[in-house]
Amino acid sequence: MQSRKGCAVESNIPKTAPARVELSVGQVAERSGVSVSALHFYERQGLLSSRRTQGNQRRYDRSVLRRVAVIRAAQQAGIPLAVINRAFAELPPDGVPDQADWQRLSAAWQQELNTRIRHLQALRDRLDGCIGCGCLSLAQCRFVNPGDSGTGTGARAFDL
């Protein structure tokens, strides 16, 4: 620390690490908007971690709120929990991932989402064509029944 004249001044303030904020499962549920049972499920899947008190109650580091937010956003985008779990395995197990960690995760998911968007757009375009043609023929519609003549045993499509 320096005084106004640029001379070094000793500080009387003790240098201690900031207290680690821990939340109960109910507090995490309330703050994140996720049910307690979902948090327990995420923990069983290895997406979250907690410590247990002497009374066997779960305690989560405050950084778990960001992980839960990422899980929810990824799920809304259609990213499976297994993919989320693999991505989280590359992040620091305890503590808060930094911005570079989240950017790496985001870049990988953006590529996957872009691929998924292209597939969904192609599906949408084919559906418009199929519905628009009006054929309603399972034998002739290359989207609904590609190469299937409706013959054979078991479940199959029949010609109209």
N, C-alpha and C. Protein backbone atom coordinates (compact mmCIF):
# COMPACT_ATOMS: atom_id res chain seq x y z
N MET A 1 0.84 -1.16 0.00
CA MET A 1 0.00 0.00 0.00
C MET A 1 0.89 1.24 0.00
N GLN A 2 0.45 2.32 -0.66
CA GLN A 2 1.26 3.52 -0.72
C GLN A 2 0.49 4.71 -0.18
N SER A 3 1.23 5.64 0.43
CA SER A 3 0.61 6.87 0.90
C SER A 3 0.50 7.83 -0.27
N ARG A 4 -0.02 9.01 0.00
CA ARG A 4 -0.19 10.01 -1.06
C ARG A 4 1.15 10.46 -1.64
N LYS A 5 2.19 10.42 -0.86
CA LYS A 5 3.50 10.88 -1.32
C LYS A 5 4.29 9.77 -2.00
N GLY A 6 3.70 8.58 -2.15
CA GLY A 6 4.37 7.49 -2.84
C GLY A 6 5.20 6.61 -1.95
N CYS A 7 5.20 6.85 -0.66
CA CYS A 7 5.96 6.01 0.27
C CYS A 7 5.14 4.79 0.64
N ALA A 8 5.82 3.69 0.83
CA ALA A 8 5.13 2.46 1.21
C ALA A 8 4.64 2.58 2.65
N VAL A 9 3.41 2.13 2.88
CA VAL A 9 2.82 2.17 4.21
C VAL A 9 2.30 0.78 4.52
N GLU A 10 2.60 0.28 5.70
CA GLU A 10 2.10 -1.03 6.11
C GLU A 10 0.62 -0.91 6.46
N SER A 11 -0.14 -1.87 6.05
CA SER A 11 -1.56 -1.90 6.36
C SER A 11 -1.79 -2.75 7.60
N ASN A 12 -2.68 -2.29 8.45
CA ASN A 12 -3.05 -3.04 9.65
C ASN A 12 -4.16 -4.04 9.38
N ILE A 13 -4.67 -4.04 8.17
CA ILE A 13 -5.77 -4.95 7.82
C ILE A 13 -5.18 -6.33 7.56
N PRO A 14 -5.66 -7.35 8.30
CA PRO A 14 -5.13 -8.69 8.07
C PRO A 14 -5.51 -9.21 6.69
N LYS A 15 -4.57 -9.92 6.08
CA LYS A 15 -4.83 -10.47 4.75
C LYS A 15 -5.31 -11.90 4.91
N THR A 16 -6.61 -12.07 4.77
CA THR A 16 -7.21 -13.40 4.88
C THR A 16 -7.97 -13.69 3.61
N ALA A 17 -8.11 -14.93 3.33
CA ALA A 17 -8.88 -15.34 2.16
C ALA A 17 -10.35 -15.06 2.43
N PRO A 18 -11.09 -14.64 1.40
CA PRO A 18 -12.51 -14.40 1.61
C PRO A 18 -13.21 -15.69 2.03
N ALA A 19 -14.21 -15.53 2.88
CA ALA A 19 -14.95 -16.69 3.37
C ALA A 19 -15.66 -17.37 2.21
N ARG A 20 -15.62 -18.67 2.22
CA ARG A 20 -16.27 -19.47 1.17
C ARG A 20 -17.76 -19.53 1.47
N VAL A 21 -18.56 -19.11 0.52
CA VAL A 21 -20.01 -19.09 0.71
C VAL A 21 -20.57 -20.44 0.29
N GLU A 22 -21.28 -21.08 1.20
CA GLU A 22 -21.92 -22.36 0.90
C GLU A 22 -23.42 -22.20 1.01
N LEU A 23 -24.11 -22.94 0.18
CA LEU A 23 -25.57 -22.89 0.13
C LEU A 23 -26.15 -24.27 0.39
N SER A 24 -27.30 -24.29 1.03
CA SER A 24 -28.02 -25.55 1.21
C SER A 24 -28.68 -25.92 -0.11
N VAL A 25 -29.13 -27.15 -0.22
CA VAL A 25 -29.79 -27.59 -1.44
C VAL A 25 -31.06 -26.77 -1.68
N GLY A 26 -31.76 -26.40 -0.62
CA GLY A 26 -32.96 -25.58 -0.76
C GLY A 26 -32.64 -24.19 -1.27
N GLN A 27 -31.53 -23.61 -0.80
CA GLN A 27 -31.12 -22.29 -1.27
C GLN A 27 -30.72 -22.34 -2.74
N VAL A 28 -30.01 -23.38 -3.13
CA VAL A 28 -29.63 -23.51 -4.54
C VAL A 28 -30.88 -23.67 -5.39
N ALA A 29 -31.82 -24.48 -4.94
CA ALA A 29 -33.07 -24.68 -5.68
C ALA A 29 -33.82 -23.36 -5.84
N GLU A 30 -33.93 -22.61 -4.76
CA GLU A 30 -34.66 -21.35 -4.80
C GLU A 30 -33.98 -20.34 -5.72
N ARG A 31 -32.67 -20.23 -5.61
CA ARG A 31 -31.95 -19.22 -6.39
C ARG A 31 -31.81 -19.60 -7.86
N SER A 32 -31.80 -20.89 -8.16
CA SER A 32 -31.60 -21.33 -9.55
C SER A 32 -32.90 -21.62 -10.28
N GLY A 33 -33.99 -21.81 -9.52
CA GLY A 33 -35.26 -22.16 -10.16
C GLY A 33 -35.35 -23.62 -10.54
N VAL A 34 -34.47 -24.44 -10.00
CA VAL A 34 -34.45 -25.88 -10.28
C VAL A 34 -34.91 -26.60 -9.02
N SER A 35 -35.66 -27.66 -9.19
CA SER A 35 -36.18 -28.39 -8.03
C SER A 35 -35.05 -29.10 -7.28
N VAL A 36 -35.31 -29.36 -6.01
CA VAL A 36 -34.34 -30.09 -5.19
C VAL A 36 -34.07 -31.46 -5.80
N SER A 37 -35.11 -32.13 -6.27
CA SER A 37 -34.91 -33.46 -6.86
C SER A 37 -34.04 -33.39 -8.12
N ALA A 38 -34.18 -32.32 -8.89
CA ALA A 38 -33.32 -32.16 -10.08
C ALA A 38 -31.87 -31.95 -9.66
N LEU A 39 -31.65 -31.18 -8.61
CA LEU A 39 -30.28 -30.98 -8.12
C LEU A 39 -29.67 -32.30 -7.65
N HIS A 40 -30.47 -33.10 -6.95
CA HIS A 40 -29.99 -34.42 -6.51
C HIS A 40 -29.66 -35.28 -7.73
N PHE A 41 -30.52 -35.23 -8.75
CA PHE A 41 -30.29 -36.00 -9.98
C PHE A 41 -29.00 -35.54 -10.65
N TYR A 42 -28.82 -34.23 -10.79
CA TYR A 42 -27.59 -33.71 -11.40
C TYR A 42 -26.36 -34.18 -10.63
N GLU A 43 -26.49 -34.23 -9.32
CA GLU A 43 -25.35 -34.67 -8.50
C GLU A 43 -25.07 -36.16 -8.73
N ARG A 44 -26.13 -36.98 -8.82
CA ARG A 44 -25.94 -38.41 -9.10
C ARG A 44 -25.31 -38.63 -10.47
N GLN A 45 -25.60 -37.73 -11.41
CA GLN A 45 -25.04 -37.84 -12.75
C GLN A 45 -23.62 -37.30 -12.84
N GLY A 46 -23.12 -36.72 -11.75
CA GLY A 46 -21.76 -36.20 -11.73
C GLY A 46 -21.63 -34.78 -12.25
N LEU A 47 -22.76 -34.10 -12.48
CA LEU A 47 -22.72 -32.74 -12.99
C LEU A 47 -22.43 -31.72 -11.89
N LEU A 48 -22.82 -32.02 -10.67
CA LEU A 48 -22.62 -31.14 -9.52
C LEU A 48 -21.95 -31.93 -8.41
N SER A 49 -21.31 -31.20 -7.51
CA SER A 49 -20.75 -31.86 -6.33
C SER A 49 -21.09 -31.03 -5.11
N SER A 50 -21.17 -31.71 -3.99
CA SER A 50 -21.47 -31.04 -2.72
C SER A 50 -20.64 -31.70 -1.64
N ARG A 51 -20.62 -31.08 -0.51
CA ARG A 51 -20.01 -31.72 0.65
C ARG A 51 -21.15 -31.97 1.64
N ARG A 52 -20.91 -32.84 2.58
CA ARG A 52 -21.92 -33.15 3.59
C ARG A 52 -21.51 -32.57 4.93
N THR A 53 -22.49 -32.02 5.64
CA THR A 53 -22.24 -31.53 6.99
C THR A 53 -22.24 -32.71 7.95
N GLN A 54 -21.95 -32.44 9.22
CA GLN A 54 -22.00 -33.51 10.22
C GLN A 54 -23.41 -34.07 10.33
N GLY A 55 -24.41 -33.25 10.03
CA GLY A 55 -25.80 -33.71 10.05
C GLY A 55 -26.22 -34.34 8.73
N ASN A 56 -25.27 -34.61 7.83
CA ASN A 56 -25.49 -35.25 6.54
C ASN A 56 -26.32 -34.39 5.57
N GLN A 57 -26.26 -33.08 5.74
CA GLN A 57 -26.94 -32.18 4.81
C GLN A 57 -25.97 -31.75 3.73
N ARG A 58 -26.49 -31.59 2.52
CA ARG A 58 -25.65 -31.16 1.41
C ARG A 58 -25.35 -29.67 1.54
N ARG A 59 -24.12 -29.32 1.19
CA ARG A 59 -23.71 -27.92 1.10
C ARG A 59 -22.98 -27.75 -0.23
N TYR A 60 -23.42 -26.74 -0.98
CA TYR A 60 -22.86 -26.46 -2.30
C TYR A 60 -22.10 -25.15 -2.26
N ASP A 61 -20.99 -25.11 -2.98
CA ASP A 61 -20.29 -23.86 -3.17
C ASP A 61 -21.18 -22.96 -4.03
N ARG A 62 -21.07 -21.66 -3.83
CA ARG A 62 -21.91 -20.72 -4.57
C ARG A 62 -21.70 -20.84 -6.08
N SER A 63 -20.54 -21.29 -6.51
CA SER A 63 -20.26 -21.43 -7.94
C SER A 63 -21.17 -22.45 -8.61
N VAL A 64 -21.85 -23.28 -7.82
CA VAL A 64 -22.76 -24.27 -8.40
C VAL A 64 -23.92 -23.59 -9.13
N LEU A 65 -24.24 -22.36 -8.73
CA LEU A 65 -25.33 -21.64 -9.40
C LEU A 65 -25.02 -21.42 -10.88
N ARG A 66 -23.76 -21.13 -11.19
CA ARG A 66 -23.39 -20.94 -12.59
C ARG A 66 -23.47 -22.27 -13.34
N ARG A 67 -23.02 -23.34 -12.71
CA ARG A 67 -23.11 -24.66 -13.35
C ARG A 67 -24.56 -25.04 -13.63
N VAL A 68 -25.44 -24.79 -12.67
CA VAL A 68 -26.86 -25.11 -12.87
C VAL A 68 -27.41 -24.27 -14.02
N ALA A 69 -27.04 -22.99 -14.09
CA ALA A 69 -27.50 -22.14 -15.19
C ALA A 69 -27.03 -22.67 -16.53
N VAL A 70 -25.79 -23.14 -16.59
CA VAL A 70 -25.26 -23.70 -17.84
C VAL A 70 -25.99 -24.99 -18.20
N ILE A 71 -26.25 -25.83 -17.20
CA ILE A 71 -26.99 -27.08 -17.45
C ILE A 71 -28.36 -26.76 -18.03
N ARG A 72 -29.06 -25.83 -17.42
CA ARG A 72 -30.41 -25.49 -17.89
C ARG A 72 -30.38 -24.92 -19.30
N ALA A 73 -29.45 -24.02 -19.57
CA ALA A 73 -29.36 -23.43 -20.91
C ALA A 73 -29.02 -24.50 -21.95
N ALA A 74 -28.10 -25.38 -21.61
CA ALA A 74 -27.71 -26.44 -22.53
C ALA A 74 -28.87 -27.40 -22.79
N GLN A 75 -29.60 -27.75 -21.74
CA GLN A 75 -30.75 -28.64 -21.92
C GLN A 75 -31.81 -27.99 -22.79
N GLN A 76 -32.04 -26.69 -22.60
CA GLN A 76 -33.03 -26.00 -23.43
C GLN A 76 -32.61 -25.99 -24.89
N ALA A 77 -31.31 -26.02 -25.13
CA ALA A 77 -30.80 -26.06 -26.50
C ALA A 77 -30.77 -27.48 -27.05
N GLY A 78 -31.15 -28.46 -26.22
CA GLY A 78 -31.21 -29.84 -26.68
C GLY A 78 -29.91 -30.61 -26.50
N ILE A 79 -28.99 -30.08 -25.73
CA ILE A 79 -27.73 -30.77 -25.50
C ILE A 79 -27.95 -31.82 -24.41
N PRO A 80 -27.65 -33.08 -24.69
CA PRO A 80 -27.86 -34.15 -23.71
C PRO A 80 -26.98 -34.00 -22.47
N LEU A 81 -27.46 -34.52 -21.35
CA LEU A 81 -26.71 -34.44 -20.10
C LEU A 81 -25.34 -35.12 -20.22
N ALA A 82 -25.25 -36.17 -21.00
CA ALA A 82 -23.96 -36.86 -21.17
C ALA A 82 -22.93 -35.93 -21.81
N VAL A 83 -23.36 -35.12 -22.76
CA VAL A 83 -22.46 -34.17 -23.42
C VAL A 83 -22.07 -33.06 -22.44
N ILE A 84 -23.04 -32.60 -21.66
CA ILE A 84 -22.77 -31.58 -20.64
C ILE A 84 -21.76 -32.13 -19.64
N ASN A 85 -21.96 -33.36 -19.22
CA ASN A 85 -21.07 -33.99 -18.25
C ASN A 85 -19.65 -34.09 -18.78
N ARG A 86 -19.50 -34.48 -20.05
CA ARG A 86 -18.16 -34.56 -20.65
C ARG A 86 -17.49 -33.18 -20.68
N ALA A 87 -18.28 -32.16 -20.98
CA ALA A 87 -17.72 -30.80 -21.01
C ALA A 87 -17.31 -30.36 -19.61
N PHE A 88 -18.15 -30.66 -18.62
CA PHE A 88 -17.83 -30.28 -17.24
C PHE A 88 -16.60 -31.03 -16.73
N ALA A 89 -16.33 -32.21 -17.26
CA ALA A 89 -15.16 -32.98 -16.82
C ALA A 89 -13.86 -32.25 -17.15
N GLU A 90 -13.91 -31.35 -18.13
CA GLU A 90 -12.73 -30.58 -18.51
C GLU A 90 -12.58 -29.30 -17.70
N LEU A 91 -13.59 -28.97 -16.89
CA LEU A 91 -13.54 -27.77 -16.06
C LEU A 91 -12.95 -28.09 -14.70
N PRO A 92 -12.50 -27.07 -13.97
CA PRO A 92 -11.98 -27.33 -12.63
C PRO A 92 -13.05 -27.97 -11.75
N PRO A 93 -12.73 -29.05 -11.04
CA PRO A 93 -13.75 -29.75 -10.25
C PRO A 93 -14.29 -28.92 -9.09
N ASP A 94 -13.43 -28.16 -8.45
CA ASP A 94 -13.86 -27.29 -7.36
C ASP A 94 -13.48 -25.87 -7.71
N GLY A 95 -14.31 -24.95 -7.31
CA GLY A 95 -14.03 -23.56 -7.61
C GLY A 95 -14.77 -23.11 -8.84
N VAL A 96 -14.51 -21.88 -9.21
CA VAL A 96 -15.25 -21.26 -10.30
C VAL A 96 -14.45 -21.35 -11.59
N PRO A 97 -15.03 -21.91 -12.64
CA PRO A 97 -14.35 -21.91 -13.94
C PRO A 97 -14.17 -20.46 -14.41
N ASP A 98 -13.06 -20.19 -15.06
CA ASP A 98 -12.85 -18.82 -15.53
C ASP A 98 -13.48 -18.63 -16.91
N GLN A 99 -13.36 -17.41 -17.41
CA GLN A 99 -14.00 -17.06 -18.67
C GLN A 99 -13.46 -17.92 -19.82
N ALA A 100 -12.18 -18.21 -19.81
CA ALA A 100 -11.60 -19.04 -20.87
C ALA A 100 -12.20 -20.45 -20.86
N ASP A 101 -12.45 -20.99 -19.65
CA ASP A 101 -13.09 -22.30 -19.55
C ASP A 101 -14.46 -22.28 -20.20
N TRP A 102 -15.25 -21.26 -19.88
CA TRP A 102 -16.61 -21.18 -20.43
C TRP A 102 -16.58 -20.94 -21.93
N GLN A 103 -15.60 -20.18 -22.41
CA GLN A 103 -15.51 -19.94 -23.85
C GLN A 103 -15.19 -21.22 -24.62
N ARG A 104 -14.31 -22.06 -24.06
CA ARG A 104 -14.01 -23.35 -24.71
C ARG A 104 -15.26 -24.21 -24.78
N LEU A 105 -15.98 -24.28 -23.67
CA LEU A 105 -17.21 -25.06 -23.61
C LEU A 105 -18.22 -24.52 -24.62
N SER A 106 -18.37 -23.21 -24.64
CA SER A 106 -19.33 -22.56 -25.53
C SER A 106 -18.99 -22.81 -27.00
N ALA A 107 -17.72 -22.73 -27.34
CA ALA A 107 -17.31 -22.94 -28.73
C ALA A 107 -17.65 -24.34 -29.21
N ALA A 108 -17.41 -25.33 -28.36
CA ALA A 108 -17.73 -26.72 -28.73
C ALA A 108 -19.24 -26.88 -28.92
N TRP A 109 -20.01 -26.30 -28.03
CA TRP A 109 -21.46 -26.44 -28.12
C TRP A 109 -22.03 -25.64 -29.29
N GLN A 110 -21.42 -24.51 -29.62
CA GLN A 110 -21.90 -23.74 -30.76
C GLN A 110 -21.79 -24.55 -32.04
N GLN A 111 -20.69 -25.26 -32.19
CA GLN A 111 -20.51 -26.09 -33.38
C GLN A 111 -21.57 -27.19 -33.42
N GLU A 112 -21.81 -27.83 -32.29
CA GLU A 112 -22.83 -28.88 -32.23
C GLU A 112 -24.22 -28.31 -32.52
N LEU A 113 -24.51 -27.14 -31.97
CA LEU A 113 -25.82 -26.52 -32.19
C LEU A 113 -25.99 -26.09 -33.64
N ASN A 114 -24.93 -25.57 -34.26
CA ASN A 114 -25.01 -25.19 -35.67
C ASN A 114 -25.31 -26.41 -36.54
N THR A 115 -24.68 -27.54 -36.24
CA THR A 115 -24.96 -28.77 -36.98
C THR A 115 -26.41 -29.19 -36.78
N ARG A 116 -26.87 -29.14 -35.55
CA ARG A 116 -28.25 -29.51 -35.25
C ARG A 116 -29.24 -28.57 -35.96
N ILE A 117 -28.93 -27.28 -36.00
CA ILE A 117 -29.80 -26.31 -36.68
C ILE A 117 -29.88 -26.63 -38.17
N ARG A 118 -28.73 -26.95 -38.79
CA ARG A 118 -28.75 -27.31 -40.22
C ARG A 118 -29.63 -28.54 -40.47
N HIS A 119 -29.53 -29.54 -39.60
CA HIS A 119 -30.35 -30.74 -39.76
C HIS A 119 -31.83 -30.42 -39.58
N LEU A 120 -32.15 -29.60 -38.60
CA LEU A 120 -33.55 -29.24 -38.38
C LEU A 120 -34.11 -28.41 -39.53
N GLN A 121 -33.30 -27.53 -40.10
CA GLN A 121 -33.75 -26.76 -41.25
C GLN A 121 -34.01 -27.67 -42.45
N ALA A 122 -33.14 -28.64 -42.66
CA ALA A 122 -33.35 -29.59 -43.76
C ALA A 122 -34.62 -30.40 -43.53
N LEU A 123 -34.85 -30.82 -42.30
CA LEU A 123 -36.06 -31.55 -41.97
C LEU A 123 -37.29 -30.69 -42.22
N ARG A 124 -37.23 -29.43 -41.78
CA ARG A 124 -38.34 -28.51 -42.00
C ARG A 124 -38.63 -28.36 -43.49
N ASP A 125 -37.59 -28.20 -44.29
CA ASP A 125 -37.77 -28.01 -45.73
C ASP A 125 -38.37 -29.25 -46.38
N ARG A 126 -37.96 -30.43 -45.93
CA ARG A 126 -38.53 -31.66 -46.49
C ARG A 126 -39.98 -31.83 -46.08
N LEU A 127 -40.31 -31.45 -44.87
CA LEU A 127 -41.70 -31.56 -44.42
C LEU A 127 -42.60 -30.65 -45.24
N ASP A 128 -42.14 -29.43 -45.51
CA ASP A 128 -42.93 -28.52 -46.34
C ASP A 128 -43.18 -29.14 -47.70
N GLY A 129 -42.15 -29.75 -48.29
CA GLY A 129 -42.31 -30.36 -49.61
C GLY A 129 -43.25 -31.54 -49.57
N CYS A 130 -43.15 -32.38 -48.56
CA CYS A 130 -43.98 -33.57 -48.45
C CYS A 130 -45.45 -33.19 -48.24
N ILE A 131 -45.68 -32.27 -47.33
CA ILE A 131 -47.05 -31.86 -47.07
C ILE A 131 -47.60 -31.08 -48.25
N GLY A 132 -46.74 -30.28 -48.87
CA GLY A 132 -47.16 -29.46 -50.00
C GLY A 132 -47.51 -30.26 -51.24
N CYS A 133 -46.88 -31.42 -51.45
CA CYS A 133 -47.13 -32.18 -52.67
C CYS A 133 -48.51 -32.83 -52.65
N GLY A 134 -49.00 -33.14 -51.47
CA GLY A 134 -50.33 -33.71 -51.35
C GLY A 134 -50.45 -35.15 -51.78
N CYS A 135 -49.35 -35.83 -52.03
CA CYS A 135 -49.43 -37.21 -52.53
C CYS A 135 -50.01 -38.14 -51.47
N LEU A 136 -49.64 -37.95 -50.23
CA LEU A 136 -50.08 -38.80 -49.14
C LEU A 136 -49.84 -40.28 -49.43
N SER A 137 -48.90 -40.57 -50.29
CA SER A 137 -48.59 -41.94 -50.63
C SER A 137 -47.31 -42.36 -49.91
N LEU A 138 -47.43 -43.35 -49.06
CA LEU A 138 -46.26 -43.84 -48.36
C LEU A 138 -45.29 -44.54 -49.31
N ALA A 139 -45.79 -45.08 -50.40
CA ALA A 139 -44.93 -45.79 -51.34
C ALA A 139 -44.12 -44.82 -52.19
N GLN A 140 -44.68 -43.64 -52.48
CA GLN A 140 -44.00 -42.71 -53.38
C GLN A 140 -43.27 -41.58 -52.66
N CYS A 141 -43.63 -41.30 -51.44
CA CYS A 141 -43.02 -40.18 -50.72
C CYS A 141 -41.61 -40.59 -50.29
N ARG A 142 -40.62 -39.96 -50.87
CA ARG A 142 -39.23 -40.34 -50.58
C ARG A 142 -38.82 -39.96 -49.16
N PHE A 143 -39.56 -39.07 -48.51
CA PHE A 143 -39.22 -38.69 -47.14
C PHE A 143 -39.79 -39.67 -46.13
N VAL A 144 -41.07 -39.99 -46.27
CA VAL A 144 -41.74 -40.85 -45.30
C VAL A 144 -41.38 -42.31 -45.48
N ASN A 145 -41.25 -42.76 -46.72
CA ASN A 145 -41.07 -44.18 -46.98
C ASN A 145 -40.01 -44.42 -48.05
N PRO A 146 -38.77 -44.04 -47.78
CA PRO A 146 -37.75 -44.19 -48.81
C PRO A 146 -37.44 -45.67 -49.08
N GLY A 147 -37.69 -46.10 -50.31
CA GLY A 147 -37.33 -47.45 -50.72
C GLY A 147 -38.19 -48.56 -50.15
N ASP A 148 -39.25 -48.24 -49.44
CA ASP A 148 -40.10 -49.27 -48.84
C ASP A 148 -41.34 -49.44 -49.71
N SER A 149 -41.54 -50.64 -50.21
CA SER A 149 -42.70 -50.88 -51.07
C SER A 149 -43.90 -51.36 -50.28
N GLY A 150 -43.77 -51.42 -48.96
CA GLY A 150 -44.91 -51.85 -48.14
C GLY A 150 -45.05 -53.35 -48.09
N THR A 151 -44.04 -54.10 -48.49
CA THR A 151 -44.14 -55.56 -48.47
C THR A 151 -43.36 -56.12 -47.31
N GLY A 152 -43.64 -57.34 -46.99
CA GLY A 152 -42.91 -58.01 -45.93
C GLY A 152 -43.80 -58.27 -44.73
N THR A 153 -43.24 -58.99 -43.77
CA THR A 153 -44.01 -59.32 -42.59
C THR A 153 -43.74 -58.31 -41.49
N GLY A 154 -44.61 -58.25 -40.54
CA GLY A 154 -44.45 -57.35 -39.40
C GLY A 154 -44.92 -55.95 -39.71
N ALA A 155 -44.53 -55.02 -38.86
CA ALA A 155 -44.96 -53.64 -39.02
C ALA A 155 -44.38 -53.07 -40.30
N ARG A 156 -45.21 -52.41 -41.08
CA ARG A 156 -44.76 -51.80 -42.33
C ARG A 156 -45.78 -50.79 -42.80
N ALA A 157 -45.39 -50.01 -43.78
CA ALA A 157 -46.29 -49.01 -44.35
C ALA A 157 -47.10 -49.64 -45.47
N PHE A 158 -48.34 -49.23 -45.60
CA PHE A 158 -49.21 -49.72 -46.66
C PHE A 158 -49.49 -48.61 -47.65
N ASP A 159 -49.63 -48.97 -48.92
CA ASP A 159 -49.97 -47.99 -49.96
C ASP A 159 -51.40 -47.52 -49.76
N LEU A 160 -51.62 -46.27 -50.10
CA LEU A 160 -52.99 -45.74 -50.09
C LEU A 160 -53.64 -45.94 -51.41
